[in-house]
Amino acid sequence: MKAKENRPVKKVHLTNFHIAGFSYWDGPEAFDQLKVGTRLDLVREPDNQFDPYAVAVYLGDLKLGFIPRGENHDISKYLDMGLDDIYEVRVQRISPDEHPENQVAVIVYVKNQNKE
């Protein structure tokens, strides 16, 4: 019997969360532009007065809110190292009937840098 080749994966699930502060930033303005699978960006905010590990979630120039405080510590460290290209961030779920802070769920993957 022949052994299977060890094939590297393209990406792995790291975390998922609801966007914190969605209703206080540009979330309501961007809501109609969001759909499952929409790609989002992470932007480190090291000078944030409320959270030293703050990482904002953006759709283009629209700030949707933040990675929740309990989820952002490790991601902020890698962003501080300039490794923002290791993450793929996408809308995982849209729930318009939920409380505004629970309307958009996001999933974060870590990408294999050797794969497209």
C-alpha atoms as a PDB file:
ATOM      1  CA  MET A   1       0.000   0.000   0.000  1.00  0.00           C
ATOM      2  CA  LYS A   2       1.387   3.376  -1.045  1.00  0.00           C
ATOM      3  CA  ALA A   3       1.601   6.165   1.571  1.00  0.00           C
ATOM      4  CA  LYS A   4      -0.409   9.318   0.907  1.00  0.00           C
ATOM      5  CA  GLU A   5       1.533  12.417  -0.022  1.00  0.00           C
ATOM      6  CA  ASN A   6       1.666  15.103   2.621  1.00  0.00           C
ATOM      7  CA  ARG A   7      -0.194  17.973   0.923  1.00  0.00           C
ATOM      8  CA  PRO A   8      -0.109  21.387   2.559  1.00  0.00           C
ATOM      9  CA  VAL A   9      -3.489  22.972   3.122  1.00  0.00           C
ATOM     10  CA  LYS A  10      -4.335  26.368   1.601  1.00  0.00           C
ATOM     11  CA  LYS A  11      -5.855  27.825   4.773  1.00  0.00           C
ATOM     12  CA  VAL A  12      -7.028  26.824   8.230  1.00  0.00           C
ATOM     13  CA  HIS A  13      -9.736  28.252  10.471  1.00  0.00           C
ATOM     14  CA  LEU A  14      -8.295  30.428  13.234  1.00  0.00           C
ATOM     15  CA  THR A  15     -11.318  32.072  14.860  1.00  0.00           C
ATOM     16  CA  ASN A  16     -14.769  33.468  14.277  1.00  0.00           C
ATOM     17  CA  PHE A  17     -16.648  36.241  16.052  1.00  0.00           C
ATOM     18  CA  HIS A  18     -19.306  38.948  15.822  1.00  0.00           C
ATOM     19  CA  ILE A  19     -17.914  42.392  15.027  1.00  0.00           C
ATOM     20  CA  ALA A  20     -17.685  44.428  18.240  1.00  0.00           C
ATOM     21  CA  GLY A  21     -19.060  47.954  17.969  1.00  0.00           C
ATOM     22  CA  PHE A  22     -20.736  47.245  14.622  1.00  0.00           C
ATOM     23  CA  SER A  23     -23.630  49.623  15.320  1.00  0.00           C
ATOM     24  CA  TYR A  24     -21.313  52.418  16.556  1.00  0.00           C
ATOM     25  CA  TRP A  25     -18.989  52.643  13.547  1.00  0.00           C
ATOM     26  CA  ASP A  26     -19.777  52.328   9.822  1.00  0.00           C
ATOM     27  CA  GLY A  27     -21.487  48.934  10.135  1.00  0.00           C
ATOM     28  CA  PRO A  28     -25.029  50.169   9.515  1.00  0.00           C
ATOM     29  CA  GLU A  29     -23.836  52.159   6.481  1.00  0.00           C
ATOM     30  CA  ALA A  30     -22.065  49.103   5.040  1.00  0.00           C
ATOM     31  CA  PHE A  31     -24.702  46.500   5.931  1.00  0.00           C
ATOM     32  CA  ASP A  32     -26.289  46.327   2.458  1.00  0.00           C
ATOM     33  CA  GLN A  33     -22.849  45.772   0.889  1.00  0.00           C
ATOM     34  CA  LEU A  34     -22.114  42.730   3.043  1.00  0.00           C
ATOM     35  CA  LYS A  35     -22.920  39.169   2.056  1.00  0.00           C
ATOM     36  CA  VAL A  36     -21.614  35.770   3.067  1.00  0.00           C
ATOM     37  CA  GLY A  37     -18.099  35.449   1.678  1.00  0.00           C
ATOM     38  CA  THR A  38     -17.379  39.185   1.428  1.00  0.00           C
ATOM     39  CA  ARG A  39     -13.686  39.753   2.045  1.00  0.00           C
ATOM     40  CA  LEU A  40     -12.762  42.120   4.881  1.00  0.00           C
ATOM     41  CA  ASP A  41      -9.515  43.685   6.093  1.00  0.00           C
ATOM     42  CA  LEU A  42      -7.885  43.888   9.512  1.00  0.00           C
ATOM     43  CA  VAL A  43      -6.173  47.091  10.627  1.00  0.00           C
ATOM     44  CA  ARG A  44      -4.139  47.259  13.818  1.00  0.00           C
ATOM     45  CA  GLU A  45      -4.860  50.201  16.156  1.00  0.00           C
ATOM     46  CA  PRO A  46      -1.958  50.120  18.654  1.00  0.00           C
ATOM     47  CA  ASP A  47      -2.813  53.564  20.038  1.00  0.00           C
ATOM     48  CA  ASN A  48      -6.450  52.694  20.809  1.00  0.00           C
ATOM     49  CA  GLN A  49      -7.168  54.176  24.254  1.00  0.00           C
ATOM     50  CA  PHE A  50      -9.630  51.431  25.215  1.00  0.00           C
ATOM     51  CA  ASP A  51      -7.695  48.326  24.135  1.00  0.00           C
ATOM     52  CA  PRO A  52      -3.925  48.050  23.549  1.00  0.00           C
ATOM     53  CA  TYR A  53      -4.528  44.997  21.310  1.00  0.00           C
ATOM     54  CA  ALA A  54      -7.266  46.634  19.203  1.00  0.00           C
ATOM     55  CA  VAL A  55      -7.749  45.343  15.661  1.00  0.00           C
ATOM     56  CA  ALA A  56     -10.367  47.068  13.505  1.00  0.00           C
ATOM     57  CA  VAL A  57     -12.371  45.291  10.790  1.00  0.00           C
ATOM     58  CA  TYR A  58     -12.853  47.186   7.511  1.00  0.00           C
ATOM     59  CA  LEU A  59     -14.792  46.872   4.286  1.00  0.00           C
ATOM     60  CA  GLY A  60     -12.810  49.140   1.979  1.00  0.00           C
ATOM     61  CA  ASP A  61     -12.708  52.523   3.728  1.00  0.00           C
ATOM     62  CA  LEU A  62     -15.628  51.690   6.025  1.00  0.00           C
ATOM     63  CA  LYS A  63     -14.726  50.754   9.586  1.00  0.00           C
ATOM     64  CA  LEU A  64     -17.181  48.061  10.650  1.00  0.00           C
ATOM     65  CA  GLY A  65     -15.948  47.728  14.232  1.00  0.00           C
ATOM     66  CA  PHE A  66     -13.399  45.561  16.000  1.00  0.00           C
ATOM     67  CA  ILE A  67     -12.318  42.022  16.730  1.00  0.00           C
ATOM     68  CA  PRO A  68     -13.741  41.436  20.233  1.00  0.00           C
ATOM     69  CA  ARG A  69     -11.275  42.035  23.057  1.00  0.00           C
ATOM     70  CA  GLY A  70     -10.967  38.364  23.999  1.00  0.00           C
ATOM     71  CA  GLU A  71     -10.152  37.338  20.420  1.00  0.00           C
ATOM     72  CA  ASN A  72      -7.614  39.982  19.367  1.00  0.00           C
ATOM     73  CA  HIS A  73      -4.471  39.433  21.433  1.00  0.00           C
ATOM     74  CA  ASP A  74      -2.638  36.932  19.203  1.00  0.00           C
ATOM     75  CA  ILE A  75      -3.825  38.472  15.930  1.00  0.00           C
ATOM     76  CA  SER A  76      -2.591  41.905  17.053  1.00  0.00           C
ATOM     77  CA  LYS A  77       0.895  40.495  17.721  1.00  0.00           C
ATOM     78  CA  TYR A  78       1.191  39.096  14.200  1.00  0.00           C
ATOM     79  CA  LEU A  79      -0.130  42.324  12.679  1.00  0.00           C
ATOM     80  CA  ASP A  80       2.478  44.239  14.710  1.00  0.00           C
ATOM     81  CA  MET A  81       5.114  42.034  13.049  1.00  0.00           C
ATOM     82  CA  GLY A  82       3.820  43.074   9.616  1.00  0.00           C
ATOM     83  CA  LEU A  83       2.266  39.685   8.890  1.00  0.00           C
ATOM     84  CA  ASP A  84      -1.123  41.022   7.764  1.00  0.00           C
ATOM     85  CA  ASP A  85      -0.965  38.931   4.571  1.00  0.00           C
ATOM     86  CA  ILE A  86      -1.293  35.659   6.511  1.00  0.00           C
ATOM     87  CA  TYR A  87      -4.965  36.321   7.270  1.00  0.00           C
ATOM     88  CA  GLU A  88      -8.021  35.859   5.117  1.00  0.00           C
ATOM     89  CA  VAL A  89     -11.071  37.481   6.690  1.00  0.00           C
ATOM     90  CA  ARG A  90     -14.589  36.921   5.360  1.00  0.00           C
ATOM     91  CA  VAL A  91     -18.191  37.469   6.354  1.00  0.00           C
ATOM     92  CA  GLN A  92     -19.433  34.134   7.677  1.00  0.00           C
ATOM     93  CA  ARG A  93     -23.069  34.933   8.483  1.00  0.00           C
ATOM     94  CA  ILE A  94     -25.549  37.791   8.084  1.00  0.00           C
ATOM     95  CA  SER A  95     -28.511  37.911  10.477  1.00  0.00           C
ATOM     96  CA  PRO A  96     -30.528  41.114   9.894  1.00  0.00           C
ATOM     97  CA  ASP A  97     -33.117  40.231  12.551  1.00  0.00           C
ATOM     98  CA  GLU A  98     -30.554  39.881  15.355  1.00  0.00           C
ATOM     99  CA  HIS A  99     -29.404  42.618  17.735  1.00  0.00           C
ATOM    100  CA  PRO A 100     -27.099  44.956  15.732  1.00  0.00           C
ATOM    101  CA  GLU A 101     -24.007  43.698  17.567  1.00  0.00           C
ATOM    102  CA  ASN A 102     -24.812  40.129  16.450  1.00  0.00           C
ATOM    103  CA  GLN A 103     -25.846  40.784  12.853  1.00  0.00           C
ATOM    104  CA  VAL A 104     -22.511  40.021  11.182  1.00  0.00           C
ATOM    105  CA  ALA A 105     -20.325  37.016  11.982  1.00  0.00           C
ATOM    106  CA  VAL A 106     -16.777  36.945  10.647  1.00  0.00           C
ATOM    107  CA  ILE A 107     -14.378  34.065  10.113  1.00  0.00           C
ATOM    108  CA  VAL A 108     -10.595  34.426  10.111  1.00  0.00           C
ATOM    109  CA  TYR A 109      -8.346  31.944   8.343  1.00  0.00           C
ATOM    110  CA  VAL A 110      -4.564  31.650   8.404  1.00  0.00           C
ATOM    111  CA  LYS A 111      -3.299  31.196   4.858  1.00  0.00           C
ATOM    112  CA  ASN A 112      -0.448  28.990   3.714  1.00  0.00           C
ATOM    113  CA  GLN A 113       1.958  31.429   2.073  1.00  0.00           C
ATOM    114  CA  ASN A 114       3.045  28.749  -0.448  1.00  0.00           C
ATOM    115  CA  LYS A 115      -0.463  28.354  -1.902  1.00  0.00           C
ATOM    116  CA  GLU A 116      -2.802  30.682  -3.798  1.00  0.00           C
END
